[in-house]
Amino acid sequence: MELTNVTLENCTPHEVVIVTDNQEPIVIPPSGIIPRVKSTVTNLGTINGIPVMKTELGQVENMPNPKPNTIFIVSSFVAQALTHRPDVVSPDTSPSSVIRDENGLIIGVKQLQKF
């Protein structure tokens, strides 16, 4: 995938900061649109008294329809429910991509991910 001149629309509740090797941080403010995944949680029982739950993903609510030349940045949970949408990515918060401050809080990522 090699796309240029596209709009990145941040559909998360917070700024997305992407720090690449050769550029200043790219800060993408939230759009105010926050898709959520409906889910069903089933209690499977316990292991040594600890509850074990199974979460099944349902419909995604409040997701914008596709727009020309637009990629939507959503939460990983939403992106996993929308693998059929080529216009959906999420911040890559894996250990190799995440950037943390001195207190261990995430301040940015090096890349986006597609599920």
PDB file of N, CA and C in Angstrom:
ATOM      1  N   MET A   1       0.850  -1.172   0.000  1.00  0.00           N
ATOM      2  CA  MET A   1       0.000   0.000   0.000  1.00  0.00           C
ATOM      3  C   MET A   1       0.896   1.236   0.000  1.00  0.00           C
ATOM      4  N   GLU A   2       0.729   2.053  -0.985  1.00  0.00           N
ATOM      5  CA  GLU A   2       1.492   3.302  -1.070  1.00  0.00           C
ATOM      6  C   GLU A   2       0.507   4.393  -1.449  1.00  0.00           C
ATOM      7  N   LEU A   3       0.085   5.172  -0.469  1.00  0.00           N
ATOM      8  CA  LEU A   3      -0.894   6.230  -0.702  1.00  0.00           C
ATOM      9  C   LEU A   3      -0.272   7.583  -0.398  1.00  0.00           C
ATOM     10  N   THR A   4      -0.593   8.573  -1.194  1.00  0.00           N
ATOM     11  CA  THR A   4      -0.149   9.939  -0.937  1.00  0.00           C
ATOM     12  C   THR A   4      -1.337  10.872  -1.138  1.00  0.00           C
ATOM     13  N   ASN A   5      -1.227  12.034  -0.552  1.00  0.00           N
ATOM     14  CA  ASN A   5      -2.264  13.057  -0.668  1.00  0.00           C
ATOM     15  C   ASN A   5      -3.635  12.574  -0.220  1.00  0.00           C
ATOM     16  N   VAL A   6      -3.664  11.824   0.877  1.00  0.00           N
ATOM     17  CA  VAL A   6      -4.942  11.398   1.446  1.00  0.00           C
ATOM     18  C   VAL A   6      -5.175  12.147   2.762  1.00  0.00           C
ATOM     19  N   THR A   7      -6.417  12.251   3.139  1.00  0.00           N
ATOM     20  CA  THR A   7      -6.787  12.852   4.412  1.00  0.00           C
ATOM     21  C   THR A   7      -6.815  11.756   5.465  1.00  0.00           C
ATOM     22  N   LEU A   8      -6.168  12.015   6.597  1.00  0.00           N
ATOM     23  CA  LEU A   8      -6.239  11.095   7.735  1.00  0.00           C
ATOM     24  C   LEU A   8      -7.245  11.672   8.717  1.00  0.00           C
ATOM     25  N   GLU A   9      -8.336  10.948   8.939  1.00  0.00           N
ATOM     26  CA  GLU A   9      -9.371  11.402   9.852  1.00  0.00           C
ATOM     27  C   GLU A   9      -9.286  10.574  11.135  1.00  0.00           C
ATOM     28  N   ASN A  10      -8.986  11.241  12.226  1.00  0.00           N
ATOM     29  CA  ASN A  10      -8.784  10.582  13.514  1.00  0.00           C
ATOM     30  C   ASN A  10     -10.125  10.354  14.204  1.00  0.00           C
ATOM     31  N   CYS A  11     -10.551   9.113  14.234  1.00  0.00           N
ATOM     32  CA  CYS A  11     -11.805   8.732  14.879  1.00  0.00           C
ATOM     33  C   CYS A  11     -11.535   8.065  16.232  1.00  0.00           C
ATOM     34  N   THR A  12     -10.589   8.631  16.986  1.00  0.00           N
ATOM     35  CA  THR A  12     -10.343   8.207  18.364  1.00  0.00           C
ATOM     36  C   THR A  12     -10.598   9.430  19.241  1.00  0.00           C
ATOM     37  N   PRO A  13     -10.732   9.248  20.551  1.00  0.00           N
ATOM     38  CA  PRO A  13     -11.044  10.400  21.412  1.00  0.00           C
ATOM     39  C   PRO A  13      -9.842  11.268  21.785  1.00  0.00           C
ATOM     40  N   HIS A  14      -8.651  10.948  21.278  1.00  0.00           N
ATOM     41  CA  HIS A  14      -7.462  11.711  21.655  1.00  0.00           C
ATOM     42  C   HIS A  14      -6.570  11.950  20.431  1.00  0.00           C
ATOM     43  N   GLU A  15      -5.628  12.863  20.563  1.00  0.00           N
ATOM     44  CA  GLU A  15      -4.681  13.105  19.479  1.00  0.00           C
ATOM     45  C   GLU A  15      -3.923  11.830  19.153  1.00  0.00           C
ATOM     46  N   VAL A  16      -3.644  11.631  17.883  1.00  0.00           N
ATOM     47  CA  VAL A  16      -2.748  10.557  17.462  1.00  0.00           C
ATOM     48  C   VAL A  16      -1.452  11.241  17.035  1.00  0.00           C
ATOM     49  N   VAL A  17      -0.342  10.816  17.640  1.00  0.00           N
ATOM     50  CA  VAL A  17       0.970  11.390  17.333  1.00  0.00           C
ATOM     51  C   VAL A  17       1.812  10.297  16.686  1.00  0.00           C
ATOM     52  N   ILE A  18       2.272  10.588  15.467  1.00  0.00           N
ATOM     53  CA  ILE A  18       3.101   9.640  14.729  1.00  0.00           C
ATOM     54  C   ILE A  18       4.481  10.274  14.576  1.00  0.00           C
ATOM     55  N   VAL A  19       5.512   9.556  15.019  1.00  0.00           N
ATOM     56  CA  VAL A  19       6.883  10.051  14.964  1.00  0.00           C
ATOM     57  C   VAL A  19       7.665   9.151  14.011  1.00  0.00           C
ATOM     58  N   THR A  20       8.029   9.714  12.859  1.00  0.00           N
ATOM     59  CA  THR A  20       8.819   8.950  11.903  1.00  0.00           C
ATOM     60  C   THR A  20      10.287   9.280  12.090  1.00  0.00           C
ATOM     61  N   ASP A  21      11.168   8.503  11.496  1.00  0.00           N
ATOM     62  CA  ASP A  21      12.611   8.677  11.676  1.00  0.00           C
ATOM     63  C   ASP A  21      13.136  10.014  11.175  1.00  0.00           C
ATOM     64  N   ASN A  22      12.574  10.534  10.102  1.00  0.00           N
ATOM     65  CA  ASN A  22      13.154  11.720   9.481  1.00  0.00           C
ATOM     66  C   ASN A  22      12.240  12.940   9.486  1.00  0.00           C
ATOM     67  N   GLN A  23      11.208  12.951  10.309  1.00  0.00           N
ATOM     68  CA  GLN A  23      10.282  14.075  10.321  1.00  0.00           C
ATOM     69  C   GLN A  23       9.946  14.487  11.737  1.00  0.00           C
ATOM     70  N   GLU A  24       9.390  15.690  11.836  1.00  0.00           N
ATOM     71  CA  GLU A  24       8.809  16.135  13.097  1.00  0.00           C
ATOM     72  C   GLU A  24       7.572  15.284  13.365  1.00  0.00           C
ATOM     73  N   PRO A  25       7.137  15.219  14.612  1.00  0.00           N
ATOM     74  CA  PRO A  25       5.926  14.448  14.900  1.00  0.00           C
ATOM     75  C   PRO A  25       4.727  14.954  14.088  1.00  0.00           C
ATOM     76  N   ILE A  26       3.940  14.030  13.605  1.00  0.00           N
ATOM     77  CA  ILE A  26       2.694  14.344  12.910  1.00  0.00           C
ATOM     78  C   ILE A  26       1.586  14.195  13.942  1.00  0.00           C
ATOM     79  N   VAL A  27       0.887  15.287  14.230  1.00  0.00           N
ATOM     80  CA  VAL A  27      -0.170  15.277  15.235  1.00  0.00           C
ATOM     81  C   VAL A  27      -1.509  15.365  14.509  1.00  0.00           C
ATOM     82  N   ILE A  28      -2.357  14.374  14.729  1.00  0.00           N
ATOM     83  CA  ILE A  28      -3.662  14.333  14.086  1.00  0.00           C
ATOM     84  C   ILE A  28      -4.720  14.487  15.176  1.00  0.00           C
ATOM     85  N   PRO A  29      -5.402  15.638  15.211  1.00  0.00           N
ATOM     86  CA  PRO A  29      -6.389  15.873  16.264  1.00  0.00           C
ATOM     87  C   PRO A  29      -7.623  15.005  16.083  1.00  0.00           C
ATOM     88  N   PRO A  30      -8.351  14.757  17.174  1.00  0.00           N
ATOM     89  CA  PRO A  30      -9.579  13.963  17.058  1.00  0.00           C
ATOM     90  C   PRO A  30     -10.631  14.708  16.237  1.00  0.00           C
ATOM     91  N   SER A  31     -11.410  13.956  15.487  1.00  0.00           N
ATOM     92  CA  SER A  31     -12.445  14.541  14.633  1.00  0.00           C
ATOM     93  C   SER A  31     -13.752  14.773  15.387  1.00  0.00           C
ATOM     94  N   GLY A  32     -13.886  14.149  16.551  1.00  0.00           N
ATOM     95  CA  GLY A  32     -15.147  14.217  17.283  1.00  0.00           C
ATOM     96  C   GLY A  32     -16.064  13.052  16.972  1.00  0.00           C
ATOM     97  N   ILE A  33     -15.683  12.251  15.981  1.00  0.00           N
ATOM     98  CA  ILE A  33     -16.445  11.037  15.629  1.00  0.00           C
ATOM     99  C   ILE A  33     -15.733   9.857  16.275  1.00  0.00           C
ATOM    100  N   ILE A  34     -16.452   9.115  17.107  1.00  0.00           N
ATOM    101  CA  ILE A  34     -15.821   8.001  17.820  1.00  0.00           C
ATOM    102  C   ILE A  34     -16.635   6.733  17.601  1.00  0.00           C
ATOM    103  N   PRO A  35     -16.225   5.885  16.648  1.00  0.00           N
ATOM    104  CA  PRO A  35     -16.904   4.605  16.455  1.00  0.00           C
ATOM    105  C   PRO A  35     -16.654   3.676  17.639  1.00  0.00           C
ATOM    106  N   ARG A  36     -17.631   2.870  17.945  1.00  0.00           N
ATOM    107  CA  ARG A  36     -17.514   1.887  19.021  1.00  0.00           C
ATOM    108  C   ARG A  36     -18.025   0.539  18.522  1.00  0.00           C
ATOM    109  N   VAL A  37     -17.473  -0.523  19.077  1.00  0.00           N
ATOM    110  CA  VAL A  37     -17.900  -1.879  18.740  1.00  0.00           C
ATOM    111  C   VAL A  37     -18.852  -2.371  19.816  1.00  0.00           C
ATOM    112  N   LYS A  38     -20.031  -2.771  19.390  1.00  0.00           N
ATOM    113  CA  LYS A  38     -20.931  -3.429  20.329  1.00  0.00           C
ATOM    114  C   LYS A  38     -20.335  -4.812  20.602  1.00  0.00           C
ATOM    115  N   SER A  39     -20.465  -5.275  21.817  1.00  0.00           N
ATOM    116  CA  SER A  39     -19.912  -6.583  22.138  1.00  0.00           C
ATOM    117  C   SER A  39     -20.821  -7.305  23.126  1.00  0.00           C
ATOM    118  N   THR A  40     -20.686  -8.613  23.117  1.00  0.00           N
ATOM    119  CA  THR A  40     -21.408  -9.462  24.044  1.00  0.00           C
ATOM    120  C   THR A  40     -20.377 -10.188  24.889  1.00  0.00           C
ATOM    121  N   VAL A  41     -20.549 -10.130  26.195  1.00  0.00           N
ATOM    122  CA  VAL A  41     -19.612 -10.775  27.112  1.00  0.00           C
ATOM    123  C   VAL A  41     -20.320 -11.950  27.766  1.00  0.00           C
ATOM    124  N   THR A  42     -19.677 -13.118  27.701  1.00  0.00           N
ATOM    125  CA  THR A  42     -20.222 -14.337  28.296  1.00  0.00           C
ATOM    126  C   THR A  42     -19.265 -14.826  29.375  1.00  0.00           C
ATOM    127  N   ASN A  43     -19.810 -15.168  30.522  1.00  0.00           N
ATOM    128  CA  ASN A  43     -19.010 -15.719  31.613  1.00  0.00           C
ATOM    129  C   ASN A  43     -18.777 -17.198  31.333  1.00  0.00           C
ATOM    130  N   LEU A  44     -17.495 -17.591  31.216  1.00  0.00           N
ATOM    131  CA  LEU A  44     -17.141 -18.982  30.951  1.00  0.00           C
ATOM    132  C   LEU A  44     -16.857 -19.773  32.219  1.00  0.00           C
ATOM    133  N   GLY A  45     -16.850 -19.099  33.352  1.00  0.00           N
ATOM    134  CA  GLY A  45     -16.546 -19.765  34.609  1.00  0.00           C
ATOM    135  C   GLY A  45     -15.357 -19.101  35.285  1.00  0.00           C
ATOM    136  N   THR A  46     -14.618 -19.895  36.040  1.00  0.00           N
ATOM    137  CA  THR A  46     -13.475 -19.342  36.759  1.00  0.00           C
ATOM    138  C   THR A  46     -12.273 -20.259  36.653  1.00  0.00           C
ATOM    139  N   ILE A  47     -11.101 -19.675  36.858  1.00  0.00           N
ATOM    140  CA  ILE A  47      -9.851 -20.423  37.017  1.00  0.00           C
ATOM    141  C   ILE A  47      -9.283 -19.976  38.350  1.00  0.00           C
ATOM    142  N   ASN A  48      -9.198 -20.889  39.293  1.00  0.00           N
ATOM    143  CA  ASN A  48      -8.738 -20.572  40.648  1.00  0.00           C
ATOM    144  C   ASN A  48      -9.476 -19.366  41.223  1.00  0.00           C
ATOM    145  N   GLY A  49     -10.768 -19.306  40.962  1.00  0.00           N
ATOM    146  CA  GLY A  49     -11.598 -18.228  41.504  1.00  0.00           C
ATOM    147  C   GLY A  49     -11.575 -16.936  40.706  1.00  0.00           C
ATOM    148  N   ILE A  50     -10.802 -16.911  39.628  1.00  0.00           N
ATOM    149  CA  ILE A  50     -10.713 -15.706  38.788  1.00  0.00           C
ATOM    150  C   ILE A  50     -11.692 -15.856  37.626  1.00  0.00           C
ATOM    151  N   PRO A  51     -12.608 -14.893  37.441  1.00  0.00           N
ATOM    152  CA  PRO A  51     -13.576 -15.008  36.340  1.00  0.00           C
ATOM    153  C   PRO A  51     -12.875 -15.027  34.976  1.00  0.00           C
ATOM    154  N   VAL A  52     -13.404 -15.867  34.086  1.00  0.00           N
ATOM    155  CA  VAL A  52     -12.934 -15.932  32.701  1.00  0.00           C
ATOM    156  C   VAL A  52     -14.123 -15.564  31.811  1.00  0.00           C
ATOM    157  N   MET A  53     -13.917 -14.524  31.009  1.00  0.00           N
ATOM    158  CA  MET A  53     -14.984 -14.013  30.168  1.00  0.00           C
ATOM    159  C   MET A  53     -14.616 -14.186  28.695  1.00  0.00           C
ATOM    160  N   LYS A  54     -15.636 -14.328  27.850  1.00  0.00           N
ATOM    161  CA  LYS A  54     -15.433 -14.381  26.408  1.00  0.00           C
ATOM    162  C   LYS A  54     -16.167 -13.185  25.805  1.00  0.00           C
ATOM    163  N   THR A  55     -15.452 -12.385  25.025  1.00  0.00           N
ATOM    164  CA  THR A  55     -16.041 -11.216  24.383  1.00  0.00           C
ATOM    165  C   THR A  55     -16.191 -11.493  22.894  1.00  0.00           C
ATOM    166  N   GLU A  56     -17.409 -11.327  22.388  1.00  0.00           N
ATOM    167  CA  GLU A  56     -17.672 -11.489  20.967  1.00  0.00           C
ATOM    168  C   GLU A  56     -17.991 -10.120  20.384  1.00  0.00           C
ATOM    169  N   LEU A  57     -17.298  -9.786  19.287  1.00  0.00           N
ATOM    170  CA  LEU A  57     -17.499  -8.493  18.643  1.00  0.00           C
ATOM    171  C   LEU A  57     -18.811  -8.482  17.881  1.00  0.00           C
ATOM    172  N   GLY A  58     -19.486  -7.353  17.940  1.00  0.00           N
ATOM    173  CA  GLY A  58     -20.733  -7.178  17.204  1.00  0.00           C
ATOM    174  C   GLY A  58     -20.584  -6.081  16.168  1.00  0.00           C
ATOM    175  N   GLN A  59     -21.652  -5.352  15.946  1.00  0.00           N
ATOM    176  CA  GLN A  59     -21.675  -4.271  14.969  1.00  0.00           C
ATOM    177  C   GLN A  59     -20.860  -3.068  15.442  1.00  0.00           C
ATOM    178  N   VAL A  60     -20.289  -2.355  14.499  1.00  0.00           N
ATOM    179  CA  VAL A  60     -19.606  -1.104  14.799  1.00  0.00           C
ATOM    180  C   VAL A  60     -20.620   0.022  14.648  1.00  0.00           C
ATOM    181  N   GLU A  61     -20.704   0.844  15.666  1.00  0.00           N
ATOM    182  CA  GLU A  61     -21.622   1.975  15.649  1.00  0.00           C
ATOM    183  C   GLU A  61     -20.847   3.266  15.424  1.00  0.00           C
ATOM    184  N   ASN A  62     -21.470   4.216  14.743  1.00  0.00           N
ATOM    185  CA  ASN A  62     -20.942   5.570  14.558  1.00  0.00           C
ATOM    186  C   ASN A  62     -19.711   5.617  13.656  1.00  0.00           C
ATOM    187  N   MET A  63     -19.556   4.636  12.763  1.00  0.00           N
ATOM    188  CA  MET A  63     -18.435   4.646  11.822  1.00  0.00           C
ATOM    189  C   MET A  63     -18.837   5.396  10.565  1.00  0.00           C
ATOM    190  N   PRO A  64     -18.035   6.383  10.156  1.00  0.00           N
ATOM    191  CA  PRO A  64     -18.358   7.113   8.925  1.00  0.00           C
ATOM    192  C   PRO A  64     -18.337   6.195   7.707  1.00  0.00           C
ATOM    193  N   ASN A  65     -19.131   6.539   6.722  1.00  0.00           N
ATOM    194  CA  ASN A  65     -19.087   5.842   5.441  1.00  0.00           C
ATOM    195  C   ASN A  65     -17.783   6.200   4.742  1.00  0.00           C
ATOM    196  N   PRO A  66     -17.317   5.350   3.821  1.00  0.00           N
ATOM    197  CA  PRO A  66     -16.104   5.672   3.081  1.00  0.00           C
ATOM    198  C   PRO A  66     -16.221   7.027   2.383  1.00  0.00           C
ATOM    199  N   LYS A  67     -15.079   7.728   2.321  1.00  0.00           N
ATOM    200  CA  LYS A  67     -14.986   9.010   1.619  1.00  0.00           C
ATOM    201  C   LYS A  67     -13.806   8.921   0.661  1.00  0.00           C
ATOM    202  N   PRO A  68     -13.904   9.565  -0.484  1.00  0.00           N
ATOM    203  CA  PRO A  68     -12.772   9.552  -1.414  1.00  0.00           C
ATOM    204  C   PRO A  68     -11.510  10.123  -0.759  1.00  0.00           C
ATOM    205  N   ASN A  69     -10.384   9.468  -0.989  1.00  0.00           N
ATOM    206  CA  ASN A  69      -9.067   9.928  -0.521  1.00  0.00           C
ATOM    207  C   ASN A  69      -9.001  10.151   0.981  1.00  0.00           C
ATOM    208  N   THR A  70      -9.717   9.334   1.748  1.00  0.00           N
ATOM    209  CA  THR A  70      -9.724   9.460   3.211  1.00  0.00           C
ATOM    210  C   THR A  70      -9.432   8.118   3.851  1.00  0.00           C
ATOM    211  N   ILE A  71      -8.520   8.141   4.813  1.00  0.00           N
ATOM    212  CA  ILE A  71      -8.225   6.970   5.644  1.00  0.00           C
ATOM    213  C   ILE A  71      -8.653   7.324   7.061  1.00  0.00           C
ATOM    214  N   PHE A  72      -9.391   6.427   7.700  1.00  0.00           N
ATOM    215  CA  PHE A  72      -9.882   6.648   9.057  1.00  0.00           C
ATOM    216  C   PHE A  72      -8.969   5.948  10.054  1.00  0.00           C
ATOM    217  N   ILE A  73      -8.508   6.707  11.060  1.00  0.00           N
ATOM    218  CA  ILE A  73      -7.735   6.126  12.158  1.00  0.00           C
ATOM    219  C   ILE A  73      -8.719   5.839  13.278  1.00  0.00           C
ATOM    220  N   VAL A  74      -8.786   4.573  13.671  1.00  0.00           N
ATOM    221  CA  VAL A  74      -9.727   4.134  14.709  1.00  0.00           C
ATOM    222  C   VAL A  74      -8.964   3.341  15.769  1.00  0.00           C
ATOM    223  N   SER A  75      -9.647   2.984  16.839  1.00  0.00           N
ATOM    224  CA  SER A  75      -9.019   2.138  17.857  1.00  0.00           C
ATOM    225  C   SER A  75      -8.725   0.756  17.269  1.00  0.00           C
ATOM    226  N   SER A  76      -7.803   0.047  17.878  1.00  0.00           N
ATOM    227  CA  SER A  76      -7.476  -1.307  17.419  1.00  0.00           C
ATOM    228  C   SER A  76      -8.693  -2.221  17.478  1.00  0.00           C
ATOM    229  N   PHE A  77      -9.503  -2.043  18.502  1.00  0.00           N
ATOM    230  CA  PHE A  77     -10.707  -2.862  18.672  1.00  0.00           C
ATOM    231  C   PHE A  77     -11.654  -2.656  17.490  1.00  0.00           C
ATOM    232  N   VAL A  78     -11.859  -1.403  17.105  1.00  0.00           N
ATOM    233  CA  VAL A  78     -12.731  -1.100  15.964  1.00  0.00           C
ATOM    234  C   VAL A  78     -12.096  -1.625  14.675  1.00  0.00           C
ATOM    235  N   ALA A  79     -10.796  -1.418  14.497  1.00  0.00           N
ATOM    236  CA  ALA A  79     -10.120  -1.878  13.284  1.00  0.00           C
ATOM    237  C   ALA A  79     -10.227  -3.390  13.120  1.00  0.00           C
ATOM    238  N   GLN A  80     -10.170  -4.133  14.215  1.00  0.00           N
ATOM    239  CA  GLN A  80     -10.292  -5.588  14.136  1.00  0.00           C
ATOM    240  C   GLN A  80     -11.689  -6.015  13.714  1.00  0.00           C
ATOM    241  N   ALA A  81     -12.681  -5.196  14.022  1.00  0.00           N
ATOM    242  CA  ALA A  81     -14.054  -5.509  13.617  1.00  0.00           C
ATOM    243  C   ALA A  81     -14.343  -5.059  12.184  1.00  0.00           C
ATOM    244  N   LEU A  82     -13.450  -4.248  11.603  1.00  0.00           N
ATOM    245  CA  LEU A  82     -13.659  -3.701  10.254  1.00  0.00           C
ATOM    246  C   LEU A  82     -12.564  -4.114   9.282  1.00  0.00           C
ATOM    247  N   THR A  83     -12.106  -5.345   9.376  1.00  0.00           N
ATOM    248  CA  THR A  83     -11.023  -5.797   8.494  1.00  0.00           C
ATOM    249  C   THR A  83     -11.409  -5.736   7.021  1.00  0.00           C
ATOM    250  N   HIS A  84     -12.691  -5.722   6.725  1.00  0.00           N
ATOM    251  CA  HIS A  84     -13.152  -5.646   5.343  1.00  0.00           C
ATOM    252  C   HIS A  84     -13.072  -4.234   4.765  1.00  0.00           C
ATOM    253  N   ARG A  85     -12.808  -3.238   5.611  1.00  0.00           N
ATOM    254  CA  ARG A  85     -12.741  -1.848   5.147  1.00  0.00           C
ATOM    255  C   ARG A  85     -11.295  -1.477   4.830  1.00  0.00           C
ATOM    256  N   PRO A  86     -10.958  -1.230   3.563  1.00  0.00           N
ATOM    257  CA  PRO A  86      -9.575  -0.876   3.214  1.00  0.00           C
ATOM    258  C   PRO A  86      -9.176   0.521   3.668  1.00  0.00           C
ATOM    259  N   ASP A  87     -10.140   1.315   4.128  1.00  0.00           N
ATOM    260  CA  ASP A  87      -9.878   2.702   4.520  1.00  0.00           C
ATOM    261  C   ASP A  87      -9.759   2.878   6.030  1.00  0.00           C
ATOM    262  N   VAL A  88      -9.467   1.789   6.745  1.00  0.00           N
ATOM    263  CA  VAL A  88      -9.407   1.824   8.217  1.00  0.00           C
ATOM    264  C   VAL A  88      -8.048   1.319   8.691  1.00  0.00           C
ATOM    265  N   VAL A  89      -7.396   2.115   9.560  1.00  0.00           N
ATOM    266  CA  VAL A  89      -6.136   1.734  10.203  1.00  0.00           C
ATOM    267  C   VAL A  89      -6.224   2.121  11.674  1.00  0.00           C
ATOM    268  N   SER A  90      -5.252   1.693  12.453  1.00  0.00           N
ATOM    269  CA  SER A  90      -5.189   2.090  13.861  1.00  0.00           C
ATOM    270  C   SER A  90      -3.737   2.366  14.237  1.00  0.00           C
ATOM    271  N   PRO A  91      -3.532   3.129  15.325  1.00  0.00           N
ATOM    272  CA  PRO A  91      -2.158   3.334  15.794  1.00  0.00           C
ATOM    273  C   PRO A  91      -1.539   1.994  16.205  1.00  0.00           C
ATOM    274  N   ASP A  92      -0.297   1.768  15.829  1.00  0.00           N
ATOM    275  CA  ASP A  92       0.408   0.535  16.199  1.00  0.00           C
ATOM    276  C   ASP A  92       1.033   0.733  17.572  1.00  0.00           C
ATOM    277  N   THR A  93       0.425   0.136  18.581  1.00  0.00           N
ATOM    278  CA  THR A  93       0.935   0.275  19.948  1.00  0.00           C
ATOM    279  C   THR A  93       1.750  -0.947  20.385  1.00  0.00           C
ATOM    280  N   SER A  94       2.305  -1.665  19.409  1.00  0.00           N
ATOM    281  CA  SER A  94       3.177  -2.793  19.746  1.00  0.00           C
ATOM    282  C   SER A  94       4.477  -2.254  20.336  1.00  0.00           C
ATOM    283  N   PRO A  95       5.215  -3.073  21.077  1.00  0.00           N
ATOM    284  CA  PRO A  95       6.461  -2.605  21.705  1.00  0.00           C
ATOM    285  C   PRO A  95       7.467  -2.001  20.726  1.00  0.00           C
ATOM    286  N   SER A  96       7.497  -2.474  19.491  1.00  0.00           N
ATOM    287  CA  SER A  96       8.475  -1.939  18.541  1.00  0.00           C
ATOM    288  C   SER A  96       8.060  -0.591  17.952  1.00  0.00           C
ATOM    289  N   SER A  97       6.814  -0.187  18.142  1.00  0.00           N
ATOM    290  CA  SER A  97       6.330   1.058  17.551  1.00  0.00           C
ATOM    291  C   SER A  97       6.030   2.151  18.565  1.00  0.00           C
ATOM    292  N   VAL A  98       5.648   1.771  19.744  1.00  0.00           N
ATOM    293  CA  VAL A  98       5.192   2.764  20.722  1.00  0.00           C
ATOM    294  C   VAL A  98       6.365   3.592  21.267  1.00  0.00           C
ATOM    295  N   ILE A  99       6.099   4.875  21.509  1.00  0.00           N
ATOM    296  CA  ILE A  99       7.080   5.782  22.103  1.00  0.00           C
ATOM    297  C   ILE A  99       6.507   6.250  23.431  1.00  0.00           C
ATOM    298  N   ARG A 100       7.280   6.079  24.501  1.00  0.00           N
ATOM    299  CA  ARG A 100       6.810   6.420  25.842  1.00  0.00           C
ATOM    300  C   ARG A 100       7.632   7.540  26.450  1.00  0.00           C
ATOM    301  N   ASP A 101       6.998   8.280  27.374  1.00  0.00           N
ATOM    302  CA  ASP A 101       7.736   9.315  28.103  1.00  0.00           C
ATOM    303  C   ASP A 101       8.451   8.677  29.292  1.00  0.00           C
ATOM    304  N   GLU A 102       9.103   9.500  30.105  1.00  0.00           N
ATOM    305  CA  GLU A 102       9.889   8.996  31.237  1.00  0.00           C
ATOM    306  C   GLU A 102       9.037   8.291  32.290  1.00  0.00           C
ATOM    307  N   ASN A 103       7.717   8.527  32.271  1.00  0.00           N
ATOM    308  CA  ASN A 103       6.811   7.861  33.215  1.00  0.00           C
ATOM    309  C   ASN A 103       6.150   6.627  32.625  1.00  0.00           C
ATOM    310  N   GLY A 104       6.515   6.282  31.392  1.00  0.00           N
ATOM    311  CA  GLY A 104       5.956   5.096  30.758  1.00  0.00           C
ATOM    312  C   GLY A 104       4.649   5.330  30.018  1.00  0.00           C
ATOM    313  N   LEU A 105       4.202   6.581  29.951  1.00  0.00           N
ATOM    314  CA  LEU A 105       2.964   6.879  29.241  1.00  0.00           C
ATOM    315  C   LEU A 105       3.229   6.987  27.743  1.00  0.00           C
ATOM    316  N   ILE A 106       2.299   6.501  26.942  1.00  0.00           N
ATOM    317  CA  ILE A 106       2.450   6.565  25.493  1.00  0.00           C
ATOM    318  C   ILE A 106       2.316   8.017  25.034  1.00  0.00           C
ATOM    319  N   ILE A 107       3.312   8.478  24.266  1.00  0.00           N
ATOM    320  CA  ILE A 107       3.252   9.839  23.720  1.00  0.00           C
ATOM    321  C   ILE A 107       3.182   9.832  22.199  1.00  0.00           C
ATOM    322  N   GLY A 108       3.362   8.677  21.598  1.00  0.00           N
ATOM    323  CA  GLY A 108       3.276   8.577  20.142  1.00  0.00           C
ATOM    324  C   GLY A 108       3.591   7.170  19.672  1.00  0.00           C
ATOM    325  N   VAL A 109       3.445   6.985  18.365  1.00  0.00           N
ATOM    326  CA  VAL A 109       3.773   5.703  17.743  1.00  0.00           C
ATOM    327  C   VAL A 109       4.593   5.989  16.491  1.00  0.00           C
ATOM    328  N   LYS A 110       5.309   4.979  16.026  1.00  0.00           N
ATOM    329  CA  LYS A 110       6.140   5.132  14.839  1.00  0.00           C
ATOM    330  C   LYS A 110       5.368   4.828  13.562  1.00  0.00           C
ATOM    331  N   GLN A 111       4.225   4.144  13.694  1.00  0.00           N
ATOM    332  CA  GLN A 111       3.522   3.695  12.496  1.00  0.00           C
ATOM    333  C   GLN A 111       2.060   3.389  12.800  1.00  0.00           C
ATOM    334  N   LEU A 112       1.339   3.196  11.718  1.00  0.00           N
ATOM    335  CA  LEU A 112      -0.055   2.750  11.803  1.00  0.00           C
ATOM    336  C   LEU A 112      -0.098   1.277  11.463  1.00  0.00           C
ATOM    337  N   GLN A 113      -1.216   0.617  11.796  1.00  0.00           N
ATOM    338  CA  GLN A 113      -1.347  -0.805  11.467  1.00  0.00           C
ATOM    339  C   GLN A 113      -2.680  -1.085  10.813  1.00  0.00           C
ATOM    340  N   LYS A 114      -2.702  -2.133  10.012  1.00  0.00           N
ATOM    341  CA  LYS A 114      -3.901  -2.585   9.318  1.00  0.00           C
ATOM    342  C   LYS A 114      -4.172  -4.013   9.740  1.00  0.00           C
ATOM    343  N   PHE A 115      -5.406  -4.299  10.064  1.00  0.00           N
ATOM    344  CA  PHE A 115      -5.780  -5.675  10.438  1.00  0.00           C
ATOM    345  C   PHE A 115      -6.413  -6.387   9.278  1.00  0.00           C
TER     346      PHE A 115
END
